[in-house]
N, C-alpha and C. Protein backbone atom coordinates (compact mmCIF):
# COMPACT_ATOMS: atom_id res chain seq x y z
N MET A 1 24.08 26.79 18.46
CA MET A 1 24.96 25.63 18.65
C MET A 1 26.40 26.11 18.76
N ASP A 2 27.13 25.69 19.82
CA ASP A 2 28.49 26.19 19.99
C ASP A 2 29.48 25.37 19.16
N ASP A 3 30.77 25.82 19.22
CA ASP A 3 31.79 25.17 18.40
C ASP A 3 32.02 23.72 18.79
N GLN A 4 31.77 23.40 20.06
CA GLN A 4 32.04 22.05 20.52
C GLN A 4 31.00 21.04 20.02
N THR A 5 29.80 21.51 19.73
CA THR A 5 28.73 20.58 19.34
C THR A 5 28.35 20.70 17.87
N SER A 6 28.90 21.67 17.17
CA SER A 6 28.52 21.84 15.77
C SER A 6 29.16 20.76 14.92
N LEU A 7 28.49 20.41 13.85
CA LEU A 7 28.97 19.39 12.93
C LEU A 7 29.42 20.04 11.64
N PRO A 8 30.38 19.46 10.95
CA PRO A 8 30.82 20.04 9.68
C PRO A 8 29.71 19.98 8.64
N VAL A 9 29.64 21.01 7.83
CA VAL A 9 28.64 21.09 6.78
C VAL A 9 29.21 20.47 5.51
N THR A 10 28.51 19.53 4.94
CA THR A 10 28.96 18.90 3.70
C THR A 10 27.89 19.06 2.65
N GLU A 11 28.30 19.08 1.41
CA GLU A 11 27.36 19.19 0.31
C GLU A 11 26.78 17.83 -0.01
N ALA A 12 25.45 17.81 -0.27
CA ALA A 12 24.80 16.56 -0.64
C ALA A 12 25.23 16.16 -2.05
N PRO A 13 25.48 14.89 -2.29
CA PRO A 13 25.87 14.45 -3.64
C PRO A 13 24.71 14.65 -4.60
N CYS A 14 25.03 14.98 -5.83
CA CYS A 14 24.00 15.22 -6.85
C CYS A 14 24.15 14.27 -8.02
N SER A 15 24.90 13.18 -7.82
CA SER A 15 25.17 12.27 -8.93
C SER A 15 24.01 11.34 -9.23
N GLY A 16 23.04 11.23 -8.32
CA GLY A 16 21.91 10.32 -8.53
C GLY A 16 20.83 10.58 -7.51
N PRO A 17 19.74 9.82 -7.59
CA PRO A 17 18.63 10.02 -6.66
C PRO A 17 19.07 9.77 -5.22
N MET A 18 18.58 10.59 -4.30
CA MET A 18 18.82 10.38 -2.90
C MET A 18 17.98 9.20 -2.41
N PRO A 19 18.40 8.53 -1.32
CA PRO A 19 17.60 7.42 -0.80
C PRO A 19 16.17 7.86 -0.52
N GLY A 20 15.21 7.06 -0.96
CA GLY A 20 13.80 7.39 -0.77
C GLY A 20 13.18 8.17 -1.92
N ALA A 21 14.01 8.72 -2.79
CA ALA A 21 13.47 9.51 -3.90
C ALA A 21 12.63 8.65 -4.83
N GLU A 22 13.04 7.39 -5.02
CA GLU A 22 12.27 6.52 -5.91
C GLU A 22 10.88 6.27 -5.34
N VAL A 23 10.81 5.96 -4.03
CA VAL A 23 9.53 5.67 -3.39
C VAL A 23 8.61 6.87 -3.43
N LEU A 24 9.16 8.05 -3.22
CA LEU A 24 8.34 9.25 -3.11
C LEU A 24 8.07 9.93 -4.44
N PHE A 25 9.02 9.86 -5.38
CA PHE A 25 8.90 10.67 -6.59
C PHE A 25 9.17 9.90 -7.89
N THR A 26 10.40 9.46 -8.08
CA THR A 26 10.77 9.02 -9.43
C THR A 26 10.07 7.74 -9.85
N GLN A 27 9.79 6.82 -8.93
CA GLN A 27 9.10 5.58 -9.27
C GLN A 27 7.62 5.59 -8.85
N ALA A 28 7.22 6.58 -8.10
CA ALA A 28 5.83 6.64 -7.62
C ALA A 28 4.92 7.17 -8.72
N ARG A 29 3.78 6.55 -8.88
CA ARG A 29 2.81 6.97 -9.88
C ARG A 29 1.42 7.01 -9.25
N THR A 30 0.58 7.90 -9.75
CA THR A 30 -0.82 7.90 -9.32
C THR A 30 -1.47 6.62 -9.82
N PRO A 31 -2.11 5.85 -8.95
CA PRO A 31 -2.63 4.54 -9.35
C PRO A 31 -3.82 4.66 -10.28
N ARG A 32 -3.97 3.66 -11.13
CA ARG A 32 -5.17 3.55 -11.97
C ARG A 32 -6.22 2.68 -11.28
N ALA A 33 -5.78 1.84 -10.36
CA ALA A 33 -6.68 0.93 -9.64
C ALA A 33 -6.01 0.56 -8.32
N PHE A 34 -6.84 0.06 -7.39
CA PHE A 34 -6.35 -0.35 -6.08
C PHE A 34 -6.57 -1.84 -5.89
N SER A 35 -5.76 -2.42 -5.02
CA SER A 35 -6.00 -3.78 -4.56
C SER A 35 -7.22 -3.78 -3.63
N PRO A 36 -7.96 -4.89 -3.58
CA PRO A 36 -9.08 -4.97 -2.64
C PRO A 36 -8.62 -5.11 -1.19
N ARG A 37 -7.34 -5.26 -0.96
CA ARG A 37 -6.82 -5.41 0.39
C ARG A 37 -7.22 -4.23 1.27
N ALA A 38 -7.73 -4.51 2.44
CA ALA A 38 -8.20 -3.45 3.34
C ALA A 38 -7.02 -2.67 3.93
N VAL A 39 -7.27 -1.41 4.20
CA VAL A 39 -6.30 -0.57 4.89
C VAL A 39 -6.80 -0.40 6.32
N GLY A 40 -6.10 -1.00 7.26
CA GLY A 40 -6.58 -1.02 8.64
C GLY A 40 -6.43 0.31 9.35
N GLU A 41 -7.16 0.46 10.44
CA GLU A 41 -7.07 1.69 11.22
C GLU A 41 -5.67 1.89 11.79
N ASP A 42 -4.97 0.79 12.08
CA ASP A 42 -3.61 0.92 12.58
C ASP A 42 -2.71 1.57 11.55
N VAL A 43 -2.94 1.28 10.27
CA VAL A 43 -2.16 1.90 9.20
C VAL A 43 -2.49 3.40 9.12
N LEU A 44 -3.76 3.74 9.24
CA LEU A 44 -4.17 5.15 9.18
C LEU A 44 -3.60 5.93 10.37
N ARG A 45 -3.54 5.28 11.52
CA ARG A 45 -2.96 5.95 12.68
C ARG A 45 -1.46 6.18 12.46
N HIS A 46 -0.77 5.17 11.92
CA HIS A 46 0.65 5.32 11.60
C HIS A 46 0.84 6.43 10.57
N LEU A 47 -0.04 6.47 9.60
CA LEU A 47 0.01 7.51 8.57
C LEU A 47 -0.07 8.89 9.19
N TYR A 48 -1.05 9.09 10.06
CA TYR A 48 -1.18 10.41 10.67
C TYR A 48 -0.01 10.73 11.59
N ASP A 49 0.54 9.72 12.27
CA ASP A 49 1.69 9.96 13.14
C ASP A 49 2.88 10.49 12.35
N LEU A 50 2.99 10.13 11.08
CA LEU A 50 4.02 10.69 10.22
C LEU A 50 3.65 12.10 9.76
N VAL A 51 2.40 12.26 9.33
CA VAL A 51 1.95 13.55 8.80
C VAL A 51 2.12 14.66 9.83
N LYS A 52 1.78 14.39 11.07
CA LYS A 52 1.77 15.44 12.09
C LYS A 52 3.17 15.95 12.42
N LEU A 53 4.20 15.21 12.01
CA LEU A 53 5.57 15.65 12.26
C LEU A 53 6.07 16.65 11.23
N GLY A 54 5.35 16.81 10.13
CA GLY A 54 5.76 17.77 9.11
C GLY A 54 5.63 19.20 9.63
N PRO A 55 6.51 20.10 9.21
CA PRO A 55 6.47 21.48 9.72
C PRO A 55 5.27 22.27 9.21
N THR A 56 4.72 23.08 10.08
CA THR A 56 3.69 24.06 9.73
C THR A 56 4.07 25.39 10.38
N SER A 57 3.47 26.46 9.91
CA SER A 57 3.80 27.79 10.40
C SER A 57 3.51 27.90 11.89
N GLY A 58 4.54 28.12 12.69
CA GLY A 58 4.35 28.25 14.12
C GLY A 58 3.78 27.00 14.77
N ASN A 59 3.95 25.85 14.12
CA ASN A 59 3.37 24.58 14.58
C ASN A 59 1.86 24.69 14.73
N CYS A 60 1.23 25.45 13.84
CA CYS A 60 -0.21 25.71 13.98
C CYS A 60 -1.06 24.47 13.70
N SER A 61 -0.58 23.57 12.88
CA SER A 61 -1.21 22.26 12.65
C SER A 61 -2.71 22.33 12.39
N PRO A 62 -3.15 23.05 11.35
CA PRO A 62 -4.59 23.17 11.09
C PRO A 62 -5.18 22.02 10.29
N GLY A 63 -4.35 21.13 9.76
CA GLY A 63 -4.84 20.04 8.92
C GLY A 63 -5.71 19.08 9.71
N ARG A 64 -6.82 18.69 9.09
CA ARG A 64 -7.72 17.71 9.68
C ARG A 64 -8.06 16.70 8.59
N PHE A 65 -8.30 15.46 8.97
CA PHE A 65 -8.47 14.40 7.98
C PHE A 65 -9.65 13.52 8.36
N VAL A 66 -10.52 13.29 7.40
CA VAL A 66 -11.65 12.38 7.57
C VAL A 66 -11.38 11.18 6.68
N PHE A 67 -11.27 10.00 7.29
CA PHE A 67 -11.00 8.78 6.54
C PHE A 67 -12.30 7.99 6.39
N LEU A 68 -12.77 7.89 5.18
CA LEU A 68 -13.98 7.13 4.88
C LEU A 68 -13.55 5.71 4.53
N THR A 69 -13.85 4.76 5.41
CA THR A 69 -13.31 3.42 5.28
C THR A 69 -14.36 2.38 4.91
N THR A 70 -15.63 2.76 4.85
CA THR A 70 -16.69 1.83 4.48
C THR A 70 -17.40 2.34 3.23
N GLN A 71 -18.05 1.44 2.53
CA GLN A 71 -18.77 1.84 1.33
C GLN A 71 -19.91 2.79 1.67
N ASP A 72 -20.60 2.54 2.79
CA ASP A 72 -21.68 3.43 3.20
C ASP A 72 -21.18 4.84 3.44
N ALA A 73 -20.01 4.96 4.06
CA ALA A 73 -19.45 6.28 4.32
C ALA A 73 -19.09 6.99 3.02
N LYS A 74 -18.49 6.24 2.09
CA LYS A 74 -18.12 6.85 0.80
C LYS A 74 -19.35 7.25 0.00
N GLU A 75 -20.43 6.50 0.12
CA GLU A 75 -21.65 6.83 -0.62
C GLU A 75 -22.22 8.18 -0.21
N ARG A 76 -21.93 8.61 1.00
CA ARG A 76 -22.40 9.92 1.45
C ARG A 76 -21.79 11.04 0.63
N LEU A 77 -20.65 10.76 0.00
CA LEU A 77 -19.98 11.77 -0.82
C LEU A 77 -20.35 11.69 -2.29
N ARG A 78 -20.98 10.61 -2.70
CA ARG A 78 -21.25 10.42 -4.12
C ARG A 78 -21.92 11.63 -4.77
N PRO A 79 -22.98 12.22 -4.18
CA PRO A 79 -23.63 13.36 -4.84
C PRO A 79 -22.73 14.57 -5.02
N ALA A 80 -21.66 14.64 -4.22
CA ALA A 80 -20.78 15.82 -4.28
C ALA A 80 -19.67 15.68 -5.31
N LEU A 81 -19.49 14.48 -5.86
CA LEU A 81 -18.37 14.22 -6.74
C LEU A 81 -18.68 14.59 -8.17
N SER A 82 -17.69 15.10 -8.88
CA SER A 82 -17.84 15.32 -10.31
C SER A 82 -17.92 13.96 -11.00
N PRO A 83 -18.60 13.86 -12.15
CA PRO A 83 -18.80 12.56 -12.79
C PRO A 83 -17.51 11.78 -13.02
N GLY A 84 -16.45 12.46 -13.36
CA GLY A 84 -15.20 11.76 -13.64
C GLY A 84 -14.52 11.17 -12.42
N ASN A 85 -14.96 11.57 -11.23
CA ASN A 85 -14.31 11.09 -10.01
C ASN A 85 -15.13 10.05 -9.26
N VAL A 86 -16.36 9.81 -9.68
CA VAL A 86 -17.24 8.93 -8.92
C VAL A 86 -16.66 7.52 -8.84
N GLU A 87 -16.33 6.94 -9.97
CA GLU A 87 -15.88 5.55 -9.99
C GLU A 87 -14.59 5.38 -9.20
N ARG A 88 -13.63 6.27 -9.41
CA ARG A 88 -12.34 6.11 -8.72
C ARG A 88 -12.47 6.36 -7.22
N ALA A 89 -13.33 7.30 -6.82
CA ALA A 89 -13.52 7.56 -5.39
C ALA A 89 -14.21 6.39 -4.71
N MET A 90 -15.21 5.82 -5.35
CA MET A 90 -15.94 4.71 -4.76
C MET A 90 -15.08 3.45 -4.68
N ALA A 91 -14.11 3.32 -5.60
CA ALA A 91 -13.28 2.12 -5.65
C ALA A 91 -12.12 2.15 -4.66
N ALA A 92 -11.77 3.33 -4.16
CA ALA A 92 -10.64 3.43 -3.23
C ALA A 92 -11.00 2.76 -1.90
N PRO A 93 -10.14 1.90 -1.36
CA PRO A 93 -10.42 1.30 -0.06
C PRO A 93 -10.64 2.33 1.04
N VAL A 94 -9.91 3.44 0.97
CA VAL A 94 -10.10 4.55 1.91
C VAL A 94 -10.17 5.83 1.09
N LEU A 95 -11.16 6.64 1.38
CA LEU A 95 -11.25 7.96 0.76
C LEU A 95 -11.00 8.99 1.85
N ALA A 96 -9.89 9.71 1.73
CA ALA A 96 -9.52 10.71 2.73
C ALA A 96 -9.98 12.08 2.28
N VAL A 97 -10.65 12.79 3.17
CA VAL A 97 -11.02 14.17 2.94
C VAL A 97 -10.00 15.03 3.69
N VAL A 98 -9.19 15.76 2.94
CA VAL A 98 -8.21 16.65 3.55
C VAL A 98 -8.91 17.97 3.88
N CYS A 99 -8.88 18.31 5.14
CA CYS A 99 -9.61 19.49 5.62
C CYS A 99 -8.67 20.40 6.40
N HIS A 100 -9.20 21.55 6.78
CA HIS A 100 -8.50 22.40 7.74
C HIS A 100 -9.52 22.97 8.71
N ASP A 101 -9.06 23.25 9.89
CA ASP A 101 -9.92 23.77 10.95
C ASP A 101 -9.77 25.28 11.03
N PRO A 102 -10.83 26.04 10.71
CA PRO A 102 -10.72 27.51 10.80
C PRO A 102 -10.41 27.99 12.21
N LEU A 103 -10.71 27.19 13.20
CA LEU A 103 -10.45 27.57 14.59
C LEU A 103 -9.21 26.86 15.13
N PHE A 104 -8.27 26.58 14.25
CA PHE A 104 -7.04 25.89 14.65
C PHE A 104 -6.33 26.59 15.79
N PHE A 105 -6.50 27.91 15.87
CA PHE A 105 -5.75 28.70 16.86
C PHE A 105 -6.16 28.38 18.30
N GLU A 106 -7.31 27.72 18.48
CA GLU A 106 -7.72 27.36 19.84
C GLU A 106 -6.76 26.34 20.46
N ALA A 107 -6.05 25.61 19.63
CA ALA A 107 -5.10 24.61 20.13
C ALA A 107 -3.70 25.18 20.31
N LEU A 108 -3.47 26.40 19.87
CA LEU A 108 -2.11 26.95 19.92
C LEU A 108 -1.53 27.03 21.33
N PRO A 109 -2.32 27.30 22.36
CA PRO A 109 -1.70 27.29 23.70
C PRO A 109 -1.06 25.95 24.06
N ARG A 110 -1.54 24.86 23.47
CA ARG A 110 -0.95 23.54 23.72
C ARG A 110 0.19 23.22 22.75
N LEU A 111 0.18 23.87 21.59
CA LEU A 111 1.13 23.52 20.53
C LEU A 111 2.33 24.43 20.44
N GLY A 112 2.25 25.62 21.05
CA GLY A 112 3.33 26.58 20.93
C GLY A 112 3.63 27.25 22.25
N SER A 113 4.74 27.97 22.26
CA SER A 113 5.19 28.63 23.49
C SER A 113 4.83 30.10 23.53
N ASP A 114 4.35 30.66 22.41
CA ASP A 114 4.00 32.07 22.37
C ASP A 114 2.60 32.26 22.93
N GLU A 115 2.50 32.87 24.09
CA GLU A 115 1.22 32.99 24.77
C GLU A 115 0.22 33.86 24.01
N GLY A 116 0.71 34.79 23.19
CA GLY A 116 -0.19 35.70 22.50
C GLY A 116 -0.63 35.25 21.13
N LEU A 117 -0.12 34.11 20.67
CA LEU A 117 -0.38 33.69 19.30
C LEU A 117 -1.85 33.36 19.07
N ARG A 118 -2.49 32.72 20.03
CA ARG A 118 -3.89 32.37 19.87
C ARG A 118 -4.73 33.62 19.67
N ASP A 119 -4.55 34.63 20.50
CA ASP A 119 -5.34 35.85 20.41
C ASP A 119 -5.04 36.62 19.13
N TRP A 120 -3.82 36.53 18.64
CA TRP A 120 -3.44 37.22 17.41
C TRP A 120 -4.23 36.68 16.23
N PHE A 121 -4.30 35.36 16.12
CA PHE A 121 -5.08 34.77 15.03
C PHE A 121 -6.58 34.97 15.24
N ALA A 122 -7.05 34.87 16.47
CA ALA A 122 -8.48 35.02 16.74
C ALA A 122 -8.98 36.40 16.37
N ALA A 123 -8.12 37.39 16.43
CA ALA A 123 -8.52 38.77 16.16
C ALA A 123 -8.46 39.13 14.68
N ASP A 124 -7.92 38.25 13.85
CA ASP A 124 -7.75 38.56 12.42
C ASP A 124 -8.28 37.37 11.61
N VAL A 125 -9.54 37.46 11.19
CA VAL A 125 -10.18 36.35 10.48
C VAL A 125 -9.46 36.07 9.16
N GLY A 126 -9.11 37.12 8.44
CA GLY A 126 -8.44 36.92 7.15
C GLY A 126 -7.12 36.19 7.31
N LEU A 127 -6.33 36.60 8.30
CA LEU A 127 -5.04 35.94 8.54
C LEU A 127 -5.23 34.49 8.96
N SER A 128 -6.18 34.23 9.85
CA SER A 128 -6.38 32.86 10.32
C SER A 128 -6.89 31.96 9.20
N GLU A 129 -7.78 32.47 8.33
CA GLU A 129 -8.27 31.66 7.22
C GLU A 129 -7.15 31.34 6.23
N GLU A 130 -6.34 32.34 5.92
CA GLU A 130 -5.23 32.12 4.99
C GLU A 130 -4.23 31.12 5.57
N THR A 131 -3.93 31.25 6.86
CA THR A 131 -2.99 30.35 7.51
C THR A 131 -3.52 28.93 7.56
N ALA A 132 -4.81 28.79 7.88
CA ALA A 132 -5.41 27.45 7.95
C ALA A 132 -5.40 26.77 6.60
N PHE A 133 -5.78 27.49 5.55
CA PHE A 133 -5.83 26.90 4.22
C PHE A 133 -4.43 26.53 3.72
N ARG A 134 -3.50 27.44 3.88
CA ARG A 134 -2.14 27.20 3.36
C ARG A 134 -1.48 26.03 4.06
N ASN A 135 -1.53 26.02 5.38
CA ASN A 135 -0.84 24.97 6.12
C ASN A 135 -1.61 23.66 6.11
N GLY A 136 -2.94 23.72 6.01
CA GLY A 136 -3.71 22.50 5.86
C GLY A 136 -3.43 21.82 4.53
N THR A 137 -3.26 22.63 3.48
CA THR A 137 -2.88 22.08 2.17
C THR A 137 -1.50 21.43 2.24
N LEU A 138 -0.59 22.10 2.93
CA LEU A 138 0.76 21.54 3.12
C LEU A 138 0.69 20.18 3.80
N GLU A 139 -0.15 20.05 4.82
CA GLU A 139 -0.27 18.77 5.51
C GLU A 139 -0.92 17.71 4.62
N GLY A 140 -1.79 18.12 3.72
CA GLY A 140 -2.32 17.17 2.75
C GLY A 140 -1.24 16.62 1.85
N GLY A 141 -0.27 17.47 1.49
CA GLY A 141 0.87 17.00 0.72
C GLY A 141 1.72 16.02 1.51
N TYR A 142 1.91 16.31 2.79
CA TYR A 142 2.63 15.36 3.64
C TYR A 142 1.93 14.00 3.66
N LEU A 143 0.60 14.02 3.65
CA LEU A 143 -0.14 12.76 3.70
C LEU A 143 0.15 11.91 2.47
N ILE A 144 0.22 12.52 1.31
CA ILE A 144 0.52 11.78 0.08
C ILE A 144 1.90 11.12 0.19
N LEU A 145 2.89 11.89 0.65
CA LEU A 145 4.23 11.35 0.75
C LEU A 145 4.33 10.27 1.83
N ALA A 146 3.67 10.50 2.96
CA ALA A 146 3.68 9.50 4.04
C ALA A 146 3.01 8.21 3.59
N ALA A 147 1.92 8.34 2.84
CA ALA A 147 1.24 7.15 2.33
C ALA A 147 2.17 6.34 1.44
N ARG A 148 2.90 7.00 0.57
CA ARG A 148 3.84 6.28 -0.30
C ARG A 148 4.93 5.60 0.51
N MET A 149 5.38 6.24 1.57
CA MET A 149 6.41 5.63 2.41
C MET A 149 5.90 4.36 3.09
N LEU A 150 4.59 4.29 3.34
CA LEU A 150 4.01 3.12 3.99
C LEU A 150 3.55 2.06 3.00
N GLY A 151 3.87 2.25 1.73
CA GLY A 151 3.52 1.26 0.73
C GLY A 151 2.12 1.43 0.15
N LEU A 152 1.47 2.54 0.46
CA LEU A 152 0.15 2.81 -0.09
C LEU A 152 0.27 3.63 -1.37
N ALA A 153 -0.72 3.51 -2.22
CA ALA A 153 -0.84 4.38 -3.39
C ALA A 153 -1.81 5.50 -3.05
N ALA A 154 -1.57 6.67 -3.60
CA ALA A 154 -2.38 7.84 -3.29
C ALA A 154 -2.90 8.47 -4.58
N MET A 155 -4.21 8.73 -4.60
CA MET A 155 -4.85 9.30 -5.78
C MET A 155 -5.56 10.61 -5.37
N PRO A 156 -4.88 11.75 -5.47
CA PRO A 156 -5.53 13.01 -5.10
C PRO A 156 -6.58 13.42 -6.12
N MET A 157 -7.65 14.02 -5.63
CA MET A 157 -8.76 14.46 -6.47
C MET A 157 -9.26 15.82 -5.99
N SER A 158 -9.64 16.67 -6.95
CA SER A 158 -10.18 17.97 -6.59
C SER A 158 -11.55 18.25 -7.23
N GLY A 159 -12.08 17.30 -7.97
CA GLY A 159 -13.37 17.52 -8.63
C GLY A 159 -14.53 17.14 -7.74
N PHE A 160 -14.98 18.08 -6.90
CA PHE A 160 -16.11 17.82 -6.02
C PHE A 160 -16.65 19.15 -5.51
N ASP A 161 -17.86 19.12 -4.98
CA ASP A 161 -18.49 20.30 -4.41
C ASP A 161 -18.16 20.33 -2.92
N SER A 162 -17.30 21.26 -2.52
CA SER A 162 -16.83 21.29 -1.14
C SER A 162 -17.96 21.59 -0.15
N PHE A 163 -18.92 22.41 -0.57
CA PHE A 163 -20.02 22.73 0.34
C PHE A 163 -20.89 21.50 0.61
N MET A 164 -21.09 20.67 -0.41
CA MET A 164 -21.86 19.45 -0.22
C MET A 164 -21.11 18.47 0.69
N VAL A 165 -19.78 18.40 0.53
CA VAL A 165 -18.98 17.54 1.39
C VAL A 165 -19.08 18.01 2.84
N GLU A 166 -18.98 19.31 3.03
CA GLU A 166 -19.06 19.85 4.39
C GLU A 166 -20.44 19.61 5.00
N ASP A 167 -21.50 19.75 4.21
CA ASP A 167 -22.84 19.48 4.72
C ASP A 167 -23.01 18.01 5.09
N ALA A 168 -22.39 17.13 4.31
CA ALA A 168 -22.55 15.69 4.54
C ALA A 168 -21.72 15.18 5.71
N LEU A 169 -20.55 15.79 5.95
CA LEU A 169 -19.61 15.20 6.90
C LEU A 169 -19.11 16.13 8.01
N LEU A 170 -19.14 17.43 7.79
CA LEU A 170 -18.33 18.31 8.64
C LEU A 170 -19.13 19.34 9.43
N THR A 171 -20.45 19.24 9.43
CA THR A 171 -21.24 20.28 10.11
C THR A 171 -20.94 20.32 11.61
N ALA A 172 -20.72 19.17 12.23
CA ALA A 172 -20.47 19.14 13.67
C ALA A 172 -19.10 19.70 14.02
N SER A 173 -18.11 19.44 13.16
CA SER A 173 -16.74 19.86 13.47
C SER A 173 -16.45 21.29 13.04
N GLY A 174 -17.14 21.77 11.99
CA GLY A 174 -16.83 23.09 11.45
C GLY A 174 -15.60 23.11 10.57
N TRP A 175 -15.03 21.94 10.27
CA TRP A 175 -13.87 21.89 9.39
C TRP A 175 -14.27 22.24 7.97
N ARG A 176 -13.28 22.68 7.18
CA ARG A 176 -13.51 23.02 5.78
C ARG A 176 -12.80 22.00 4.89
N ALA A 177 -13.50 21.53 3.86
CA ALA A 177 -12.94 20.54 2.95
C ALA A 177 -12.03 21.21 1.92
N ASN A 178 -10.89 20.60 1.66
CA ASN A 178 -9.92 21.14 0.71
C ASN A 178 -9.81 20.24 -0.53
N PHE A 179 -9.37 18.99 -0.36
CA PHE A 179 -9.31 18.07 -1.49
C PHE A 179 -9.43 16.64 -0.98
N LEU A 180 -9.55 15.70 -1.90
CA LEU A 180 -9.73 14.29 -1.58
C LEU A 180 -8.50 13.49 -1.98
N ILE A 181 -8.26 12.39 -1.28
CA ILE A 181 -7.19 11.47 -1.65
C ILE A 181 -7.72 10.05 -1.51
N GLY A 182 -7.73 9.32 -2.62
CA GLY A 182 -8.01 7.89 -2.55
C GLY A 182 -6.76 7.18 -2.09
N LEU A 183 -6.92 6.30 -1.10
CA LEU A 183 -5.78 5.57 -0.53
C LEU A 183 -6.03 4.07 -0.59
N GLY A 184 -4.99 3.32 -0.88
CA GLY A 184 -5.09 1.86 -0.90
C GLY A 184 -3.78 1.25 -1.33
N TYR A 185 -3.71 -0.05 -1.24
CA TYR A 185 -2.53 -0.74 -1.74
C TYR A 185 -2.63 -0.86 -3.26
N PRO A 186 -1.50 -0.78 -3.95
CA PRO A 186 -1.55 -0.85 -5.43
C PRO A 186 -2.15 -2.17 -5.90
N ALA A 187 -2.89 -2.11 -6.98
CA ALA A 187 -3.45 -3.31 -7.58
C ALA A 187 -2.31 -4.19 -8.11
N GLU A 188 -2.52 -5.50 -8.05
CA GLU A 188 -1.48 -6.42 -8.50
C GLU A 188 -1.18 -6.28 -9.98
N ASN A 189 -2.17 -5.82 -10.76
CA ASN A 189 -1.94 -5.69 -12.20
C ASN A 189 -1.42 -4.32 -12.59
N GLU A 190 -1.12 -3.47 -11.61
CA GLU A 190 -0.51 -2.19 -11.94
C GLU A 190 0.87 -2.44 -12.55
N PRO A 191 1.18 -1.81 -13.68
CA PRO A 191 2.48 -2.05 -14.31
C PRO A 191 3.62 -1.51 -13.46
N HIS A 192 4.75 -2.20 -13.51
CA HIS A 192 5.95 -1.67 -12.87
C HIS A 192 6.28 -0.32 -13.49
N PRO A 193 6.78 0.63 -12.68
CA PRO A 193 7.08 1.96 -13.24
C PRO A 193 7.94 1.94 -14.48
N ASP A 194 8.83 0.95 -14.57
CA ASP A 194 9.70 0.88 -15.76
C ASP A 194 8.91 0.52 -17.01
N HIS A 195 7.71 -0.05 -16.84
CA HIS A 195 6.93 -0.48 -17.98
C HIS A 195 5.61 0.30 -18.11
N ALA A 196 5.42 1.27 -17.25
CA ALA A 196 4.18 2.06 -17.30
C ALA A 196 4.23 3.03 -18.48
N GLU A 197 3.09 3.60 -18.78
CA GLU A 197 3.04 4.63 -19.81
C GLU A 197 3.91 5.81 -19.40
N PRO A 198 4.49 6.52 -20.36
CA PRO A 198 5.33 7.66 -20.00
C PRO A 198 4.53 8.69 -19.18
N ARG A 199 5.23 9.35 -18.28
CA ARG A 199 4.59 10.40 -17.50
C ARG A 199 4.13 11.53 -18.41
N ALA A 200 3.10 12.21 -17.98
CA ALA A 200 2.71 13.45 -18.65
C ALA A 200 3.86 14.46 -18.49
N PRO A 201 4.02 15.36 -19.43
CA PRO A 201 5.15 16.31 -19.36
C PRO A 201 5.09 17.17 -18.10
N ARG A 202 6.24 17.55 -17.61
CA ARG A 202 6.39 18.50 -16.51
C ARG A 202 7.16 19.71 -17.03
N LEU A 203 6.97 20.83 -16.37
CA LEU A 203 7.75 22.01 -16.71
C LEU A 203 9.19 21.81 -16.28
N ASP A 204 10.13 22.32 -17.06
CA ASP A 204 11.53 22.20 -16.66
C ASP A 204 11.91 23.34 -15.73
N PHE A 205 13.13 23.26 -15.21
CA PHE A 205 13.57 24.21 -14.19
C PHE A 205 13.48 25.65 -14.68
N GLY A 206 13.90 25.89 -15.92
CA GLY A 206 13.90 27.24 -16.44
C GLY A 206 12.52 27.85 -16.58
N GLU A 207 11.49 27.04 -16.74
CA GLU A 207 10.13 27.54 -16.86
C GLU A 207 9.48 27.79 -15.51
N ALA A 208 9.86 26.99 -14.50
CA ALA A 208 9.14 27.01 -13.24
C ALA A 208 9.89 27.66 -12.09
N CYS A 209 11.16 27.97 -12.29
CA CYS A 209 11.98 28.43 -11.17
C CYS A 209 12.75 29.70 -11.54
N LEU A 210 12.98 30.50 -10.54
CA LEU A 210 13.85 31.67 -10.65
C LEU A 210 14.92 31.59 -9.58
N CYS A 211 16.16 31.89 -9.94
CA CYS A 211 17.23 32.04 -8.97
C CYS A 211 17.66 33.50 -9.02
N LEU A 212 17.42 34.21 -7.95
CA LEU A 212 17.69 35.64 -7.92
C LEU A 212 18.87 35.96 -7.02
């Protein structure tokens, strides 16, 4: 960017939460229950349109998502769920399976400008698997934040047998299951964040961060 088009750099204020922080973090809570209100396909399409804009390494975009929107579809996952997750997974209006595509690199000629990138990943299974898992997980995080921006509650879950999920849903696609997210509108009886139970403790900056 030249001098004529560059903008002055200013420091972001730190006196309070930035706009949107409440929706995404400080006031957002993992739901205990969902409203019976249906989540339409148009909402899921809008959700993905936000998720796909999040950055990934080289725009590789390996994240894949299976949205289970009917009770029959969710029942296919019941045998794969840990006992503690069965009730909450079945109760979610939409159960999203966050996946990644091990062959994500086949789309790179359409997604990137580097002509050799597809062959580079295709020749290194370890690198492609690591890249798919890491960036697919990142896109799953984007999905949680995008859902909150659209007024949905998100309940991530990891207690399940991934091989059983893949056998039940993903054999045709070859995608790999990473984690689950229950999606829906918050239940009307969910307490306001100001009156909810205190959050579980988090690590403070000194425990979790290094500045070198």
